[in-house]
């Protein structure tokens, strides 16, 4: 009986190790690919940031467009300090991007010069800016002017943790199943 139990214990460990190793390797490869993809996108946004800031900096906007800001303000090169309201600091990155897009939409009519060639659409093409490939997703003006923070390790870990958790659960289930089968067969043998 003890010998049979040890045999099923060893078999359970061996069979549980297979999905653990395969799942861990797959999780690491998938998380690396995901983190590198997000990093590439972030590099495109930073490139667009530099190009758009240079375009805006080469234009004149009416100096009396906004009153002198008293609360929180956003400084955009070429546009100056723009009041954004008290709630701007509490907004998420996506909401901040949307607010900057709205501000730029209200300014478009006053701008002239090379900036006009980029303004007709609400999004920037990374390919047209020289920042990406043919099939890359477009970048909004707000995202280009306020590039989001990026941490490669955080992105990698956020993809790795759920997939490793699933891998561990699957391996534990295989181990428990083989041990249960060993317990049932051991009960009949006794």
C-alpha atoms as a PDB file:
ATOM      1  CA  UNK A   1       0.000   0.000   0.000  1.00  0.00           C
ATOM      2  CA  UNK A   2       2.781   2.474   0.945  1.00  0.00           C
ATOM      3  CA  UNK A   3       4.747   1.537  -2.162  1.00  0.00           C
ATOM      4  CA  UNK A   4       1.682   2.140  -4.358  1.00  0.00           C
ATOM      5  CA  UNK A   5       1.056   5.509  -2.670  1.00  0.00           C
ATOM      6  CA  UNK A   6       4.672   6.601  -3.251  1.00  0.00           C
ATOM      7  CA  UNK A   7       4.440   5.588  -6.896  1.00  0.00           C
ATOM      8  CA  UNK A   8       1.341   7.692  -7.460  1.00  0.00           C
ATOM      9  CA  UNK A   9       2.955  10.582  -5.580  1.00  0.00           C
ATOM     10  CA  UNK A  10       5.957  10.458  -7.946  1.00  0.00           C
ATOM     11  CA  UNK A  11       3.684  10.119 -10.976  1.00  0.00           C
ATOM     12  CA  UNK A  12       1.599  13.092  -9.791  1.00  0.00           C
ATOM     13  CA  UNK A  13       4.719  15.235  -9.370  1.00  0.00           C
ATOM     14  CA  UNK A  14       5.987  14.266 -12.825  1.00  0.00           C
ATOM     15  CA  UNK A  15       2.659  14.897 -14.561  1.00  0.00           C
ATOM     16  CA  UNK A  16       2.120  18.202 -12.700  1.00  0.00           C
ATOM     17  CA  UNK A  17       5.613  19.381 -13.694  1.00  0.00           C
ATOM     18  CA  UNK A  18       4.771  19.122 -17.397  1.00  0.00           C
ATOM     19  CA  UNK A  19       2.045  21.823 -17.490  1.00  0.00           C
ATOM     20  CA  UNK A  20       4.050  23.852 -14.961  1.00  0.00           C
ATOM     21  CA  UNK A  21       7.146  24.001 -17.176  1.00  0.00           C
ATOM     22  CA  UNK A  22       5.258  24.470 -20.438  1.00  0.00           C
ATOM     23  CA  UNK A  23       2.900  27.048 -18.903  1.00  0.00           C
ATOM     24  CA  UNK A  24       5.724  28.990 -17.244  1.00  0.00           C
ATOM     25  CA  UNK A  25       7.696  29.166 -20.498  1.00  0.00           C
ATOM     26  CA  UNK A  26       4.612  30.207 -22.461  1.00  0.00           C
ATOM     27  CA  UNK A  27       3.734  32.829 -19.824  1.00  0.00           C
ATOM     28  CA  UNK A  28       7.200  34.358 -19.896  1.00  0.00           C
ATOM     29  CA  UNK A  29       7.351  34.439 -23.699  1.00  0.00           C
ATOM     30  CA  UNK A  30       3.850  35.931 -23.977  1.00  0.00           C
ATOM     31  CA  UNK A  31       4.547  38.553 -21.279  1.00  0.00           C
ATOM     32  CA  UNK A  32       7.850  39.538 -22.914  1.00  0.00           C
ATOM     33  CA  UNK A  33       6.117  39.937 -26.267  1.00  0.00           C
ATOM     34  CA  UNK A  34       3.326  42.011 -24.719  1.00  0.00           C
ATOM     35  CA  UNK A  35       5.743  44.277 -22.803  1.00  0.00           C
ATOM     36  CA  UNK A  36       7.902  44.790 -25.899  1.00  0.00           C
ATOM     37  CA  UNK A  37       4.821  45.606 -27.984  1.00  0.00           C
ATOM     38  CA  UNK A  38       3.673  48.235 -25.477  1.00  0.00           C
ATOM     39  CA  UNK A  39       7.235  49.581 -25.294  1.00  0.00           C
ATOM     40  CA  UNK A  40       7.316  49.954 -29.083  1.00  0.00           C
ATOM     41  CA  UNK A  41       4.013  51.837 -28.994  1.00  0.00           C
ATOM     42  CA  UNK A  42       5.360  54.091 -26.243  1.00  0.00           C
ATOM     43  CA  UNK A  43       8.436  54.870 -28.361  1.00  0.00           C
ATOM     44  CA  UNK A  44       6.117  55.857 -31.235  1.00  0.00           C
ATOM     45  CA  UNK A  45       4.181  58.177 -28.917  1.00  0.00           C
ATOM     46  CA  UNK A  46       7.425  59.773 -27.696  1.00  0.00           C
ATOM     47  CA  UNK A  47       8.537  60.256 -31.306  1.00  0.00           C
ATOM     48  CA  UNK A  48       5.155  61.834 -32.145  1.00  0.00           C
ATOM     49  CA  UNK A  49       5.510  64.013 -29.029  1.00  0.00           C
ATOM     50  CA  UNK A  50       8.753  65.454 -30.359  1.00  0.00           C
ATOM     51  CA  UNK A  51       7.358  66.023 -33.853  1.00  0.00           C
ATOM     52  CA  UNK A  52       4.100  67.643 -32.690  1.00  0.00           C
ATOM     53  CA  UNK A  53       5.875  69.856 -30.143  1.00  0.00           C
ATOM     54  CA  UNK A  54       8.197  71.039 -32.921  1.00  0.00           C
ATOM     55  CA  UNK A  55       5.231  71.761 -35.219  1.00  0.00           C
ATOM     56  CA  UNK A  56       3.281  73.658 -32.578  1.00  0.00           C
ATOM     57  CA  UNK A  57       6.409  75.582 -31.546  1.00  0.00           C
ATOM     58  CA  UNK A  58       6.739  77.013 -35.066  1.00  0.00           C
ATOM     59  CA  UNK A  59       3.383  78.867 -34.950  1.00  0.00           C
ATOM     60  CA  UNK A  60       1.869  81.920 -33.451  1.00  0.00           C
ATOM     61  CA  UNK A  61      -1.390  81.816 -31.554  1.00  0.00           C
ATOM     62  CA  UNK A  62      -3.264  84.910 -30.464  1.00  0.00           C
ATOM     63  CA  UNK A  63      -1.701  85.888 -27.134  1.00  0.00           C
ATOM     64  CA  UNK A  64      -5.065  86.797 -25.584  1.00  0.00           C
ATOM     65  CA  UNK A  65      -6.547  83.341 -26.293  1.00  0.00           C
ATOM     66  CA  UNK A  66      -6.730  82.497 -22.601  1.00  0.00           C
ATOM     67  CA  UNK A  67      -6.699  84.714 -19.540  1.00  0.00           C
ATOM     68  CA  UNK A  68      -3.684  84.314 -17.274  1.00  0.00           C
ATOM     69  CA  UNK A  69      -4.185  80.947 -15.554  1.00  0.00           C
ATOM     70  CA  UNK A  70      -4.853  81.043 -11.855  1.00  0.00           C
ATOM     71  CA  UNK A  71      -5.382  77.339 -11.177  1.00  0.00           C
ATOM     72  CA  UNK A  72      -3.678  74.264 -12.593  1.00  0.00           C
ATOM     73  CA  UNK A  73      -2.197  74.891 -16.014  1.00  0.00           C
ATOM     74  CA  UNK A  74      -0.725  72.873 -18.824  1.00  0.00           C
ATOM     75  CA  UNK A  75       2.255  74.295 -20.694  1.00  0.00           C
ATOM     76  CA  UNK A  76       2.323  73.399 -24.368  1.00  0.00           C
ATOM     77  CA  UNK A  77       5.266  74.711 -26.344  1.00  0.00           C
ATOM     78  CA  UNK A  78       3.971  77.274 -28.827  1.00  0.00           C
ATOM     79  CA  UNK A  79       0.602  77.656 -27.105  1.00  0.00           C
ATOM     80  CA  UNK A  80       1.799  78.795 -23.708  1.00  0.00           C
ATOM     81  CA  UNK A  81       0.100  78.064 -20.398  1.00  0.00           C
ATOM     82  CA  UNK A  82      -3.425  76.765 -20.777  1.00  0.00           C
ATOM     83  CA  UNK A  83      -5.797  76.621 -17.796  1.00  0.00           C
ATOM     84  CA  UNK A  84      -7.090  73.084 -17.429  1.00  0.00           C
ATOM     85  CA  UNK A  85      -9.292  73.289 -14.346  1.00  0.00           C
ATOM     86  CA  UNK A  86      -8.991  71.961 -10.833  1.00  0.00           C
ATOM     87  CA  UNK A  87     -10.072  68.434 -11.773  1.00  0.00           C
ATOM     88  CA  UNK A  88      -7.315  67.902 -14.375  1.00  0.00           C
ATOM     89  CA  UNK A  89      -4.872  66.460 -11.848  1.00  0.00           C
ATOM     90  CA  UNK A  90      -7.441  63.873 -10.713  1.00  0.00           C
ATOM     91  CA  UNK A  91      -8.181  62.644 -14.236  1.00  0.00           C
ATOM     92  CA  UNK A  92      -6.871  59.366 -15.584  1.00  0.00           C
ATOM     93  CA  UNK A  93      -4.343  59.410 -18.423  1.00  0.00           C
ATOM     94  CA  UNK A  94      -7.094  58.699 -20.977  1.00  0.00           C
ATOM     95  CA  UNK A  95      -9.271  61.516 -19.632  1.00  0.00           C
ATOM     96  CA  UNK A  96      -6.300  63.923 -19.711  1.00  0.00           C
ATOM     97  CA  UNK A  97      -5.607  62.934 -23.318  1.00  0.00           C
ATOM     98  CA  UNK A  98      -9.250  63.605 -24.227  1.00  0.00           C
ATOM     99  CA  UNK A  99      -9.171  67.001 -22.512  1.00  0.00           C
ATOM    100  CA  UNK A 100      -6.008  68.033 -24.387  1.00  0.00           C
ATOM    101  CA  UNK A 101      -7.619  66.856 -27.651  1.00  0.00           C
ATOM    102  CA  UNK A 102     -10.621  69.076 -26.864  1.00  0.00           C
ATOM    103  CA  UNK A 103      -8.362  72.064 -26.112  1.00  0.00           C
ATOM    104  CA  UNK A 104      -6.473  71.580 -29.377  1.00  0.00           C
ATOM    105  CA  UNK A 105      -9.728  71.256 -31.310  1.00  0.00           C
ATOM    106  CA  UNK A 106     -10.788  74.658 -29.978  1.00  0.00           C
ATOM    107  CA  UNK A 107      -7.436  76.170 -31.033  1.00  0.00           C
ATOM    108  CA  UNK A 108      -7.278  74.690 -34.554  1.00  0.00           C
ATOM    109  CA  UNK A 109      -9.088  77.571 -36.237  1.00  0.00           C
ATOM    110  CA  UNK A 110      -6.528  80.086 -34.978  1.00  0.00           C
ATOM    111  CA  UNK A 111      -3.465  78.205 -36.160  1.00  0.00           C
ATOM    112  CA  UNK A 112      -1.822  78.701 -39.535  1.00  0.00           C
ATOM    113  CA  UNK A 113       1.258  77.353 -41.214  1.00  0.00           C
ATOM    114  CA  UNK A 114       2.794  73.867 -41.274  1.00  0.00           C
ATOM    115  CA  UNK A 115       0.617  72.767 -38.339  1.00  0.00           C
ATOM    116  CA  UNK A 116      -2.394  72.709 -40.692  1.00  0.00           C
ATOM    117  CA  UNK A 117      -1.054  69.714 -42.566  1.00  0.00           C
ATOM    118  CA  UNK A 118      -1.418  67.586 -39.424  1.00  0.00           C
ATOM    119  CA  UNK A 119      -4.671  69.016 -38.091  1.00  0.00           C
ATOM    120  CA  UNK A 120      -7.351  67.797 -40.571  1.00  0.00           C
ATOM    121  CA  UNK A 121      -7.836  64.485 -38.800  1.00  0.00           C
ATOM    122  CA  UNK A 122      -8.260  64.051 -35.070  1.00  0.00           C
ATOM    123  CA  UNK A 123      -5.507  61.423 -35.027  1.00  0.00           C
ATOM    124  CA  UNK A 124      -1.884  61.433 -36.116  1.00  0.00           C
ATOM    125  CA  UNK A 125      -0.516  58.695 -38.343  1.00  0.00           C
ATOM    126  CA  UNK A 126       2.800  57.389 -36.991  1.00  0.00           C
ATOM    127  CA  UNK A 127       3.822  56.614 -40.575  1.00  0.00           C
ATOM    128  CA  UNK A 128       3.162  60.208 -41.728  1.00  0.00           C
ATOM    129  CA  UNK A 129       5.190  61.549 -38.805  1.00  0.00           C
ATOM    130  CA  UNK A 130       8.049  59.170 -39.566  1.00  0.00           C
ATOM    131  CA  UNK A 131       7.539  57.402 -36.249  1.00  0.00           C
ATOM    132  CA  UNK A 132       6.205  54.005 -37.248  1.00  0.00           C
ATOM    133  CA  UNK A 133       5.284  51.363 -39.768  1.00  0.00           C
ATOM    134  CA  UNK A 134       2.378  51.028 -42.192  1.00  0.00           C
ATOM    135  CA  UNK A 135      -0.085  49.267 -39.890  1.00  0.00           C
ATOM    136  CA  UNK A 136       0.587  51.036 -36.605  1.00  0.00           C
ATOM    137  CA  UNK A 137      -2.400  52.478 -34.747  1.00  0.00           C
ATOM    138  CA  UNK A 138      -2.986  56.226 -34.935  1.00  0.00           C
ATOM    139  CA  UNK A 139      -1.982  58.520 -32.074  1.00  0.00           C
ATOM    140  CA  UNK A 140      -4.238  61.267 -30.735  1.00  0.00           C
ATOM    141  CA  UNK A 141      -2.928  64.804 -30.331  1.00  0.00           C
ATOM    142  CA  UNK A 142      -3.492  64.615 -26.589  1.00  0.00           C
ATOM    143  CA  UNK A 143      -1.499  61.397 -26.335  1.00  0.00           C
ATOM    144  CA  UNK A 144       1.310  62.955 -28.390  1.00  0.00           C
ATOM    145  CA  UNK A 145       1.396  66.109 -26.263  1.00  0.00           C
ATOM    146  CA  UNK A 146       1.041  64.290 -22.930  1.00  0.00           C
ATOM    147  CA  UNK A 147       2.777  60.942 -23.421  1.00  0.00           C
ATOM    148  CA  UNK A 148       1.703  58.472 -20.737  1.00  0.00           C
ATOM    149  CA  UNK A 149       4.211  57.144 -18.257  1.00  0.00           C
ATOM    150  CA  UNK A 150       5.619  53.740 -19.098  1.00  0.00           C
ATOM    151  CA  UNK A 151       7.358  51.130 -16.982  1.00  0.00           C
ATOM    152  CA  UNK A 152       8.472  48.023 -18.867  1.00  0.00           C
ATOM    153  CA  UNK A 153       8.709  45.834 -15.755  1.00  0.00           C
ATOM    154  CA  UNK A 154       5.201  46.761 -14.580  1.00  0.00           C
ATOM    155  CA  UNK A 155       3.799  45.909 -18.004  1.00  0.00           C
ATOM    156  CA  UNK A 156       5.717  42.621 -18.034  1.00  0.00           C
ATOM    157  CA  UNK A 157       4.581  41.688 -14.514  1.00  0.00           C
ATOM    158  CA  UNK A 158       0.948  42.603 -15.188  1.00  0.00           C
ATOM    159  CA  UNK A 159       0.906  40.073 -18.030  1.00  0.00           C
ATOM    160  CA  UNK A 160       2.952  37.447 -16.201  1.00  0.00           C
ATOM    161  CA  UNK A 161       1.085  37.277 -12.891  1.00  0.00           C
ATOM    162  CA  UNK A 162      -2.319  36.122 -14.230  1.00  0.00           C
ATOM    163  CA  UNK A 163      -0.837  33.585 -16.636  1.00  0.00           C
ATOM    164  CA  UNK A 164       1.498  32.123 -14.004  1.00  0.00           C
ATOM    165  CA  UNK A 165      -1.454  31.899 -11.592  1.00  0.00           C
ATOM    166  CA  UNK A 166      -3.437  29.897 -14.150  1.00  0.00           C
ATOM    167  CA  UNK A 167      -0.409  27.677 -14.770  1.00  0.00           C
ATOM    168  CA  UNK A 168       0.012  26.976 -11.042  1.00  0.00           C
ATOM    169  CA  UNK A 169      -3.696  26.197 -10.648  1.00  0.00           C
ATOM    170  CA  UNK A 170      -3.602  23.801 -13.596  1.00  0.00           C
ATOM    171  CA  UNK A 171      -0.517  22.035 -12.245  1.00  0.00           C
ATOM    172  CA  UNK A 172      -2.088  21.718  -8.794  1.00  0.00           C
ATOM    173  CA  UNK A 173      -5.247  20.282 -10.372  1.00  0.00           C
ATOM    174  CA  UNK A 174      -3.203  17.659 -12.286  1.00  0.00           C
ATOM    175  CA  UNK A 175      -1.330  16.746  -9.103  1.00  0.00           C
ATOM    176  CA  UNK A 176      -4.555  16.455  -7.079  1.00  0.00           C
ATOM    177  CA  UNK A 177      -6.251  14.381  -9.788  1.00  0.00           C
ATOM    178  CA  UNK A 178      -3.411  11.843  -9.991  1.00  0.00           C
ATOM    179  CA  UNK A 179      -3.199  11.629  -6.192  1.00  0.00           C
ATOM    180  CA  UNK A 180      -6.965  11.068  -6.013  1.00  0.00           C
ATOM    181  CA  UNK A 181      -6.730   8.290  -8.580  1.00  0.00           C
ATOM    182  CA  UNK A 182      -3.869   6.769  -6.536  1.00  0.00           C
ATOM    183  CA  UNK A 183      -5.943   7.005  -3.378  1.00  0.00           C
ATOM    184  CA  UNK A 184      -8.906   5.252  -5.039  1.00  0.00           C
ATOM    185  CA  UNK A 185      -6.726   2.508  -6.533  1.00  0.00           C
ATOM    186  CA  UNK A 186      -4.837   2.169  -3.241  1.00  0.00           C
ATOM    187  CA  UNK A 187      -8.163   1.708  -1.441  1.00  0.00           C
ATOM    188  CA  UNK A 188      -9.131  -1.137  -3.739  1.00  0.00           C
ATOM    189  CA  UNK A 189      -5.722  -2.774  -3.361  1.00  0.00           C
ATOM    190  CA  UNK A 190      -6.013  -2.815   0.422  1.00  0.00           C
END
